PDB file of N, CA and C in Angstrom:
ATOM      1  N   MET A   1     110.566  83.389 105.662  1.00  0.00           N
ATOM      2  CA  MET A   1     111.767  83.234 104.888  1.00  0.00           C
ATOM      3  C   MET A   1     112.486  81.976 105.323  1.00  0.00           C
ATOM      4  N   GLY A   2     112.860  81.180 104.356  1.00  0.00           N
ATOM      5  CA  GLY A   2     113.558  79.950 104.668  1.00  0.00           C
ATOM      6  C   GLY A   2     115.039  80.180 104.900  1.00  0.00           C
ATOM      7  N   ALA A   3     115.644  79.276 105.599  1.00  0.00           N
ATOM      8  CA  ALA A   3     117.068  79.382 105.894  1.00  0.00           C
ATOM      9  C   ALA A   3     117.920  79.158 104.654  1.00  0.00           C
ATOM     10  N   THR A   4     117.329  78.627 103.582  1.00  0.00           N
ATOM     11  CA  THR A   4     118.096  78.339 102.376  1.00  0.00           C
ATOM     12  C   THR A   4     118.269  79.564 101.480  1.00  0.00           C
ATOM     13  N   ILE A   5     117.603  80.643 101.785  1.00  0.00           N
ATOM     14  CA  ILE A   5     117.718  81.849 100.967  1.00  0.00           C
ATOM     15  C   ILE A   5     119.053  82.517 101.266  1.00  0.00           C
ATOM     16  N   GLY A   6     119.833  82.727 100.218  1.00  0.00           N
ATOM     17  CA  GLY A   6     121.142  83.348 100.383  1.00  0.00           C
ATOM     18  C   GLY A   6     121.037  84.829 100.636  1.00  0.00           C
ATOM     19  N   PRO A   7     122.143  85.466 101.048  1.00  0.00           N
ATOM     20  CA  PRO A   7     122.132  86.894 101.356  1.00  0.00           C
ATOM     21  C   PRO A   7     121.695  87.756 100.170  1.00  0.00           C
ATOM     22  N   ARG A   8     122.090  87.363  98.948  1.00  0.00           N
ATOM     23  CA  ARG A   8     121.724  88.141  97.766  1.00  0.00           C
ATOM     24  C   ARG A   8     120.219  88.152  97.568  1.00  0.00           C
ATOM     25  N   LEU A   9     119.571  87.026  97.800  1.00  0.00           N
ATOM     26  CA  LEU A   9     118.137  86.924  97.612  1.00  0.00           C
ATOM     27  C   LEU A   9     117.370  87.495  98.796  1.00  0.00           C
ATOM     28  N   MET A  10     117.954  87.415  99.969  1.00  0.00           N
ATOM     29  CA  MET A  10     117.324  87.920 101.181  1.00  0.00           C
ATOM     30  C   MET A  10     116.974  89.403 101.031  1.00  0.00           C
ATOM     31  N   ALA A  11     117.870  90.183 100.451  1.00  0.00           N
ATOM     32  CA  ALA A  11     117.673  91.623 100.346  1.00  0.00           C
ATOM     33  C   ALA A  11     116.418  91.959  99.548  1.00  0.00           C
ATOM     34  N   LEU A  12     116.071  91.099  98.587  1.00  0.00           N
ATOM     35  CA  LEU A  12     114.917  91.386  97.747  1.00  0.00           C
ATOM     36  C   LEU A  12     113.620  90.779  98.272  1.00  0.00           C
ATOM     37  N   SER A  13     113.676  89.999  99.321  1.00  0.00           N
ATOM     38  CA  SER A  13     112.451  89.395  99.830  1.00  0.00           C
ATOM     39  C   SER A  13     112.179  89.807 101.270  1.00  0.00           C
ATOM     40  N   GLY A  14     112.785  90.873 101.679  1.00  0.00           N
ATOM     41  CA  GLY A  14     112.671  91.332 103.048  1.00  0.00           C
ATOM     42  C   GLY A  14     111.606  92.383 103.264  1.00  0.00           C
ATOM     43  N   GLU A  15     111.896  93.254 104.181  1.00  0.00           N
ATOM     44  CA  GLU A  15     110.939  94.271 104.632  1.00  0.00           C
ATOM     45  C   GLU A  15     110.444  95.174 103.505  1.00  0.00           C
ATOM     46  N   ASP A  16     111.318  95.588 102.606  1.00  0.00           N
ATOM     47  CA  ASP A  16     110.886  96.477 101.523  1.00  0.00           C
ATOM     48  C   ASP A  16     109.897  95.794 100.584  1.00  0.00           C
ATOM     49  N   LEU A  17     110.121  94.528 100.293  1.00  0.00           N
ATOM     50  CA  LEU A  17     109.198  93.781  99.445  1.00  0.00           C
ATOM     51  C   LEU A  17     107.826  93.677 100.117  1.00  0.00           C
ATOM     52  N   THR A  18     107.825  93.449 101.416  1.00  0.00           N
ATOM     53  CA  THR A  18     106.574  93.375 102.178  1.00  0.00           C
ATOM     54  C   THR A  18     105.870  94.730 102.194  1.00  0.00           C
ATOM     55  N   ARG A  19     106.634  95.797 102.386  1.00  0.00           N
ATOM     56  CA  ARG A  19     106.041  97.147 102.382  1.00  0.00           C
ATOM     57  C   ARG A  19     105.457  97.495 101.022  1.00  0.00           C
ATOM     58  N   ALA A  20     106.170  97.153  99.962  1.00  0.00           N
ATOM     59  CA  ALA A  20     105.668  97.426  98.605  1.00  0.00           C
ATOM     60  C   ALA A  20     104.363  96.681  98.367  1.00  0.00           C
ATOM     61  N   SER A  21     104.335  95.431  98.787  1.00  0.00           N
ATOM     62  CA  SER A  21     103.133  94.621  98.617  1.00  0.00           C
ATOM     63  C   SER A  21     101.953  95.224  99.376  1.00  0.00           C
ATOM     64  N   GLY A  22     102.188  95.651 100.602  1.00  0.00           N
ATOM     65  CA  GLY A  22     101.123  96.271 101.393  1.00  0.00           C
ATOM     66  C   GLY A  22     100.608  97.552 100.765  1.00  0.00           C
ATOM     67  N   SER A  23     101.513  98.347 100.226  1.00  0.00           N
ATOM     68  CA  SER A  23     101.107  99.591  99.565  1.00  0.00           C
ATOM     69  C   SER A  23     100.320  99.310  98.293  1.00  0.00           C
ATOM     70  N   LEU A  24     100.736  98.293  97.552  1.00  0.00           N
ATOM     71  CA  LEU A  24     100.002  97.918  96.339  1.00  0.00           C
ATOM     72  C   LEU A  24      98.599  97.442  96.677  1.00  0.00           C
ATOM     73  N   ARG A  25      98.483  96.627  97.713  1.00  0.00           N
ATOM     74  CA  ARG A  25      97.151  96.154  98.125  1.00  0.00           C
ATOM     75  C   ARG A  25      96.270  97.318  98.557  1.00  0.00           C
ATOM     76  N   ALA A  26      96.838  98.218  99.351  1.00  0.00           N
ATOM     77  CA  ALA A  26      96.065  99.373  99.816  1.00  0.00           C
ATOM     78  C   ALA A  26      95.613 100.235  98.637  1.00  0.00           C
ATOM     79  N   TYR A  27      96.512 100.438  97.684  1.00  0.00           N
ATOM     80  CA  TYR A  27      96.158 101.241  96.506  1.00  0.00           C
ATOM     81  C   TYR A  27      95.092 100.551  95.663  1.00  0.00           C
ATOM     82  N   SER A  28      95.187  99.232  95.530  1.00  0.00           N
ATOM     83  CA  SER A  28      94.205  98.520  94.706  1.00  0.00           C
ATOM     84  C   SER A  28      92.810  98.586  95.319  1.00  0.00           C
ATOM     85  N   VAL A  29      92.741  98.688  96.645  1.00  0.00           N
ATOM     86  CA  VAL A  29      91.446  98.733  97.324  1.00  0.00           C
ATOM     87  C   VAL A  29      90.907 100.153  97.414  1.00  0.00           C
ATOM     88  N   ALA A  30      91.732 101.085  97.879  1.00  0.00           N
ATOM     89  CA  ALA A  30      91.246 102.438  98.192  1.00  0.00           C
ATOM     90  C   ALA A  30      91.583 103.481  97.132  1.00  0.00           C
ATOM     91  N   GLY A  31      92.588 103.208  96.305  1.00  0.00           N
ATOM     92  CA  GLY A  31      92.949 104.171  95.272  1.00  0.00           C
ATOM     93  C   GLY A  31      93.643 105.411  95.791  1.00  0.00           C
ATOM     94  N   ASN A  32      94.224 105.323  96.982  1.00  0.00           N
ATOM     95  CA  ASN A  32      94.899 106.468  97.593  1.00  0.00           C
ATOM     96  C   ASN A  32      96.235 106.724  96.889  1.00  0.00           C
ATOM     97  N   ASP A  33      96.424 107.944  96.405  1.00  0.00           N
ATOM     98  CA  ASP A  33      97.651 108.293  95.690  1.00  0.00           C
ATOM     99  C   ASP A  33      98.902 108.133  96.552  1.00  0.00           C
ATOM    100  N   ASP A  34      98.782 108.355  97.862  1.00  0.00           N
ATOM    101  CA  ASP A  34      99.943 108.182  98.749  1.00  0.00           C
ATOM    102  C   ASP A  34     100.427 106.732  98.746  1.00  0.00           C
ATOM    103  N   ASP A  35      99.479 105.784  98.725  1.00  0.00           N
ATOM    104  CA  ASP A  35      99.852 104.367  98.664  1.00  0.00           C
ATOM    105  C   ASP A  35     100.532 104.053  97.337  1.00  0.00           C
ATOM    106  N   ARG A  36     100.004 104.600  96.261  1.00  0.00           N
ATOM    107  CA  ARG A  36     100.609 104.397  94.935  1.00  0.00           C
ATOM    108  C   ARG A  36     102.026 104.949  94.904  1.00  0.00           C
ATOM    109  N   ASP A  37     102.185 106.161  95.420  1.00  0.00           N
ATOM    110  CA  ASP A  37     103.503 106.798  95.412  1.00  0.00           C
ATOM    111  C   ASP A  37     104.507 106.027  96.259  1.00  0.00           C
ATOM    112  N   GLU A  38     104.056 105.526  97.413  1.00  0.00           N
ATOM    113  CA  GLU A  38     104.946 104.747  98.263  1.00  0.00           C
ATOM    114  C   GLU A  38     105.362 103.447  97.573  1.00  0.00           C
ATOM    115  N   ALA A  39     104.398 102.763  96.965  1.00  0.00           N
ATOM    116  CA  ALA A  39     104.711 101.515  96.256  1.00  0.00           C
ATOM    117  C   ALA A  39     105.696 101.780  95.122  1.00  0.00           C
ATOM    118  N   HIS A  40     105.465 102.844  94.382  1.00  0.00           N
ATOM    119  CA  HIS A  40     106.359 103.192  93.266  1.00  0.00           C
ATOM    120  C   HIS A  40     107.774 103.462  93.775  1.00  0.00           C
ATOM    121  N   SER A  41     107.890 104.199  94.855  1.00  0.00           N
ATOM    122  CA  SER A  41     109.192 104.526  95.419  1.00  0.00           C
ATOM    123  C   SER A  41     109.934 103.269  95.894  1.00  0.00           C
ATOM    124  N   ILE A  42     109.214 102.394  96.591  1.00  0.00           N
ATOM    125  CA  ILE A  42     109.837 101.170  97.102  1.00  0.00           C
ATOM    126  C   ILE A  42     110.243 100.270  95.943  1.00  0.00           C
ATOM    127  N   LEU A  43     109.368 100.131  94.941  1.00  0.00           N
ATOM    128  CA  LEU A  43     109.705  99.304  93.778  1.00  0.00           C
ATOM    129  C   LEU A  43     110.942  99.843  93.068  1.00  0.00           C
ATOM    130  N   THR A  44     111.042 101.154  92.958  1.00  0.00           N
ATOM    131  CA  THR A  44     112.213 101.760  92.321  1.00  0.00           C
ATOM    132  C   THR A  44     113.479 101.409  93.091  1.00  0.00           C
ATOM    133  N   ASP A  45     113.419 101.500  94.415  1.00  0.00           N
ATOM    134  CA  ASP A  45     114.580 101.135  95.241  1.00  0.00           C
ATOM    135  C   ASP A  45     114.938  99.661  95.071  1.00  0.00           C
ATOM    136  N   LEU A  46     113.924  98.793  95.039  1.00  0.00           N
ATOM    137  CA  LEU A  46     114.180  97.368  94.864  1.00  0.00           C
ATOM    138  C   LEU A  46     114.776  97.075  93.491  1.00  0.00           C
ATOM    139  N   ILE A  47     114.325  97.797  92.471  1.00  0.00           N
ATOM    140  CA  ILE A  47     114.875  97.631  91.124  1.00  0.00           C
ATOM    141  C   ILE A  47     116.344  98.032  91.111  1.00  0.00           C
ATOM    142  N   LEU A  48     116.659  99.124  91.774  1.00  0.00           N
ATOM    143  CA  LEU A  48     118.057  99.551  91.857  1.00  0.00           C
ATOM    144  C   LEU A  48     118.904  98.512  92.591  1.00  0.00           C
ATOM    145  N   ASP A  49     118.365  97.935  93.666  1.00  0.00           N
ATOM    146  CA  ASP A  49     119.073  96.886  94.404  1.00  0.00           C
ATOM    147  C   ASP A  49     119.310  95.668  93.516  1.00  0.00           C
ATOM    148  N   ALA A  50     118.266  95.253  92.792  1.00  0.00           N
ATOM    149  CA  ALA A  50     118.401  94.081  91.914  1.00  0.00           C
ATOM    150  C   ALA A  50     119.439  94.338  90.833  1.00  0.00           C
ATOM    151  N   THR A  51     119.458  95.544  90.299  1.00  0.00           N
ATOM    152  CA  THR A  51     120.434  95.901  89.274  1.00  0.00           C
ATOM    153  C   THR A  51     121.847  95.848  89.845  1.00  0.00           C
ATOM    154  N   ALA A  52     122.020  96.421  91.025  1.00  0.00           N
ATOM    155  CA  ALA A  52     123.340  96.441  91.660  1.00  0.00           C
ATOM    156  C   ALA A  52     123.829  95.028  91.972  1.00  0.00           C
ATOM    157  N   GLN A  53     122.896  94.134  92.268  1.00  0.00           N
ATOM    158  CA  GLN A  53     123.249  92.758  92.611  1.00  0.00           C
ATOM    159  C   GLN A  53     123.355  91.855  91.383  1.00  0.00           C
ATOM    160  N   GLY A  54     123.010  92.397  90.219  1.00  0.00           N
ATOM    161  CA  GLY A  54     123.047  91.603  89.004  1.00  0.00           C
ATOM    162  C   GLY A  54     121.970  90.532  88.945  1.00  0.00           C
ATOM    163  N   ASP A  55     120.856  90.786  89.618  1.00  0.00           N
ATOM    164  CA  ASP A  55     119.762  89.816  89.683  1.00  0.00           C
ATOM    165  C   ASP A  55     118.740  90.156  88.594  1.00  0.00           C
ATOM    166  N   GLN A  56     118.953  89.588  87.412  1.00  0.00           N
ATOM    167  CA  GLN A  56     118.116  89.901  86.248  1.00  0.00           C
ATOM    168  C   GLN A  56     116.672  89.453  86.447  1.00  0.00           C
ATOM    169  N   GLU A  57     116.471  88.292  87.046  1.00  0.00           N
ATOM    170  CA  GLU A  57     115.111  87.785  87.280  1.00  0.00           C
ATOM    171  C   GLU A  57     114.308  88.751  88.152  1.00  0.00           C
ATOM    172  N   ALA A  58     114.911  89.190  89.252  1.00  0.00           N
ATOM    173  CA  ALA A  58     114.226  90.133  90.136  1.00  0.00           C
ATOM    174  C   ALA A  58     114.015  91.465  89.437  1.00  0.00           C
ATOM    175  N   PHE A  59     115.028  91.931  88.704  1.00  0.00           N
ATOM    176  CA  PHE A  59     114.902  93.194  87.979  1.00  0.00           C
ATOM    177  C   PHE A  59     113.687  93.155  87.053  1.00  0.00           C
ATOM    178  N   GLU A  60     113.571  92.092  86.271  1.00  0.00           N
ATOM    179  CA  GLU A  60     112.471  91.998  85.311  1.00  0.00           C
ATOM    180  C   GLU A  60     111.110  91.948  86.005  1.00  0.00           C
ATOM    181  N   ALA A  61     111.000  91.155  87.065  1.00  0.00           N
ATOM    182  CA  ALA A  61     109.725  91.044  87.775  1.00  0.00           C
ATOM    183  C   ALA A  61     109.343  92.363  88.450  1.00  0.00           C
ATOM    184  N   LEU A  62     110.309  93.000  89.092  1.00  0.00           N
ATOM    185  CA  LEU A  62     110.041  94.270  89.773  1.00  0.00           C
ATOM    186  C   LEU A  62     109.708  95.374  88.781  1.00  0.00           C
ATOM    187  N   ASN A  63     110.408  95.394  87.666  1.00  0.00           N
ATOM    188  CA  ASN A  63     110.138  96.406  86.644  1.00  0.00           C
ATOM    189  C   ASN A  63     108.739  96.211  86.057  1.00  0.00           C
ATOM    190  N   GLU A  64     108.354  94.954  85.811  1.00  0.00           N
ATOM    191  CA  GLU A  64     107.009  94.668  85.305  1.00  0.00           C
ATOM    192  C   GLU A  64     105.950  95.093  86.317  1.00  0.00           C
ATOM    193  N   ALA A  65     106.203  94.838  87.599  1.00  0.00           N
ATOM    194  CA  ALA A  65     105.259  95.261  88.646  1.00  0.00           C
ATOM    195  C   ALA A  65     105.121  96.778  88.655  1.00  0.00           C
ATOM    196  N   ARG A  66     106.239  97.475  88.509  1.00  0.00           N
ATOM    197  CA  ARG A  66     106.186  98.943  88.490  1.00  0.00           C
ATOM    198  C   ARG A  66     105.438  99.451  87.257  1.00  0.00           C
ATOM    199  N   LEU A  67     105.631  98.789  86.118  1.00  0.00           N
ATOM    200  CA  LEU A  67     104.897  99.178  84.911  1.00  0.00           C
ATOM    201  C   LEU A  67     103.397  98.939  85.083  1.00  0.00           C
ATOM    202  N   LEU A  68     103.025  97.834  85.692  1.00  0.00           N
ATOM    203  CA  LEU A  68     101.606  97.585  85.963  1.00  0.00           C
ATOM    204  C   LEU A  68     101.033  98.659  86.877  1.00  0.00           C
ATOM    205  N   LEU A  69     101.782  99.015  87.904  1.00  0.00           N
ATOM    206  CA  LEU A  69     101.334 100.065  88.827  1.00  0.00           C
ATOM    207  C   LEU A  69     101.098 101.370  88.085  1.00  0.00           C
ATOM    208  N   SER A  70     101.942 101.669  87.128  1.00  0.00           N
ATOM    209  CA  SER A  70     101.802 102.931  86.391  1.00  0.00           C
ATOM    210  C   SER A  70     100.534 102.957  85.533  1.00  0.00           C
ATOM    211  N   GLN A  71      99.928 101.790  85.309  1.00  0.00           N
ATOM    212  CA  GLN A  71      98.694 101.726  84.512  1.00  0.00           C
ATOM    213  C   GLN A  71      97.450 102.051  85.329  1.00  0.00           C
ATOM    214  N   GLY A  72      97.614 102.158  86.647  1.00  0.00           N
ATOM    215  CA  GLY A  72      96.492 102.598  87.467  1.00  0.00           C
ATOM    216  C   GLY A  72      96.045 101.594  88.508  1.00  0.00           C
ATOM    217  N   GLN A  73      95.047 101.995  89.249  1.00  0.00           N
ATOM    218  CA  GLN A  73      94.542 101.231  90.386  1.00  0.00           C
ATOM    219  C   GLN A  73      94.104  99.830  89.985  1.00  0.00           C
ATOM    220  N   SER A  74      93.504  99.684  88.819  1.00  0.00           N
ATOM    221  CA  SER A  74      92.991  98.373  88.413  1.00  0.00           C
ATOM    222  C   SER A  74      94.101  97.347  88.206  1.00  0.00           C
ATOM    223  N   GLN A  75      95.332  97.784  88.014  1.00  0.00           N
ATOM    224  CA  GLN A  75      96.458  96.883  87.794  1.00  0.00           C
ATOM    225  C   GLN A  75      97.311  96.656  89.046  1.00  0.00           C
ATOM    226  N   ALA A  76      96.993  97.368  90.118  1.00  0.00           N
ATOM    227  CA  ALA A  76      97.802  97.266  91.337  1.00  0.00           C
ATOM    228  C   ALA A  76      97.779  95.862  91.927  1.00  0.00           C
ATOM    229  N   ASN A  77      96.637  95.187  91.861  1.00  0.00           N
ATOM    230  CA  ASN A  77      96.559  93.832  92.387  1.00  0.00           C
ATOM    231  C   ASN A  77      97.448  92.887  91.567  1.00  0.00           C
ATOM    232  N   ASP A  78      97.468  93.068  90.256  1.00  0.00           N
ATOM    233  CA  ASP A  78      98.350  92.245  89.411  1.00  0.00           C
ATOM    234  C   ASP A  78      99.813  92.493  89.757  1.00  0.00           C
ATOM    235  N   ALA A  79     100.153  93.741  90.033  1.00  0.00           N
ATOM    236  CA  ALA A  79     101.521  94.070  90.432  1.00  0.00           C
ATOM    237  C   ALA A  79     101.864  93.386  91.757  1.00  0.00           C
ATOM    238  N   ASP A  80     100.924  93.395  92.694  1.00  0.00           N
ATOM    239  CA  ASP A  80     101.139  92.725  93.970  1.00  0.00           C
ATOM    240  C   ASP A  80     101.316  91.222  93.764  1.00  0.00           C
ATOM    241  N   ASN A  81     100.536  90.649  92.865  1.00  0.00           N
ATOM    242  CA  ASN A  81     100.670  89.222  92.564  1.00  0.00           C
ATOM    243  C   ASN A  81     102.058  88.909  92.000  1.00  0.00           C
ATOM    244  N   MET A  82     102.616  89.825  91.222  1.00  0.00           N
ATOM    245  CA  MET A  82     103.967  89.626  90.696  1.00  0.00           C
ATOM    246  C   MET A  82     104.989  89.607  91.822  1.00  0.00           C
ATOM    247  N   LEU A  83     104.819  90.498  92.794  1.00  0.00           N
ATOM    248  CA  LEU A  83     105.734  90.510  93.938  1.00  0.00           C
ATOM    249  C   LEU A  83     105.622  89.209  94.730  1.00  0.00           C
ATOM    250  N   GLU A  84     104.410  88.733  94.904  1.00  0.00           N
ATOM    251  CA  GLU A  84     104.207  87.472  95.635  1.00  0.00           C
ATOM    252  C   GLU A  84     104.857  86.313  94.881  1.00  0.00           C
ATOM    253  N   ALA A  85     104.723  86.289  93.565  1.00  0.00           N
ATOM    254  CA  ALA A  85     105.344  85.229  92.774  1.00  0.00           C
ATOM    255  C   ALA A  85     106.868  85.290  92.895  1.00  0.00           C
ATOM    256  N   LEU A  86     107.420  86.496  92.882  1.00  0.00           N
ATOM    257  CA  LEU A  86     108.863  86.650  93.041  1.00  0.00           C
ATOM    258  C   LEU A  86     109.300  86.149  94.415  1.00  0.00           C
ATOM    259  N   ALA A  87     108.578  86.546  95.441  1.00  0.00           N
ATOM    260  CA  ALA A  87     108.904  86.112  96.797  1.00  0.00           C
ATOM    261  C   ALA A  87     108.796  84.582  96.906  1.00  0.00           C
ATOM    262  N   GLN A  88     107.803  84.025  96.260  1.00  0.00           N
ATOM    263  CA  GLN A  88     107.599  82.564  96.308  1.00  0.00           C
ATOM    264  C   GLN A  88     108.779  81.838  95.664  1.00  0.00           C
ATOM    265  N   THR A  89     109.275  82.333  94.554  1.00  0.00           N
ATOM    266  CA  THR A  89     110.408  81.671  93.899  1.00  0.00           C
ATOM    267  C   THR A  89     111.652  81.754  94.786  1.00  0.00           C
ATOM    268  N   ARG A  90     111.740  82.786  95.608  1.00  0.00           N
ATOM    269  CA  ARG A  90     112.892  82.958  96.492  1.00  0.00           C
ATOM    270  C   ARG A  90     112.802  82.050  97.711  1.00  0.00           C
ATOM    271  N   ARG A  91     111.594  81.598  98.043  1.00  0.00           N
ATOM    272  CA  ARG A  91     111.422  80.713  99.191  1.00  0.00           C
ATOM    273  C   ARG A  91     111.671  79.253  98.843  1.00  0.00           C
ATOM    274  N   GLU A  92     111.600  78.931  97.561  1.00  0.00           N
ATOM    275  CA  GLU A  92     111.726  77.517  97.136  1.00  0.00           C
ATOM    276  C   GLU A  92     113.156  77.060  97.134  1.00  0.00           C
TER     277      GLU A  92
END
């Protein structure tokens, strides 16, 4: 994380984003329902945070990632890629 990331953006690119990404990767590889459920739960929390902060860009990206996750294991990697793209825009 760069020092230029403000407090509002920091909350969405921190530990929860990393945990969601790890769960998505694990689900895409192994198909374990526990990983899927954890990723879904974390994404839901992040969506609520983005909504509370008025961060429309993050809300849209996180919601799209959650929708991809709901389509099954084959889409989990795409959802993880969306999280990485969101994190990347926050680092720039």
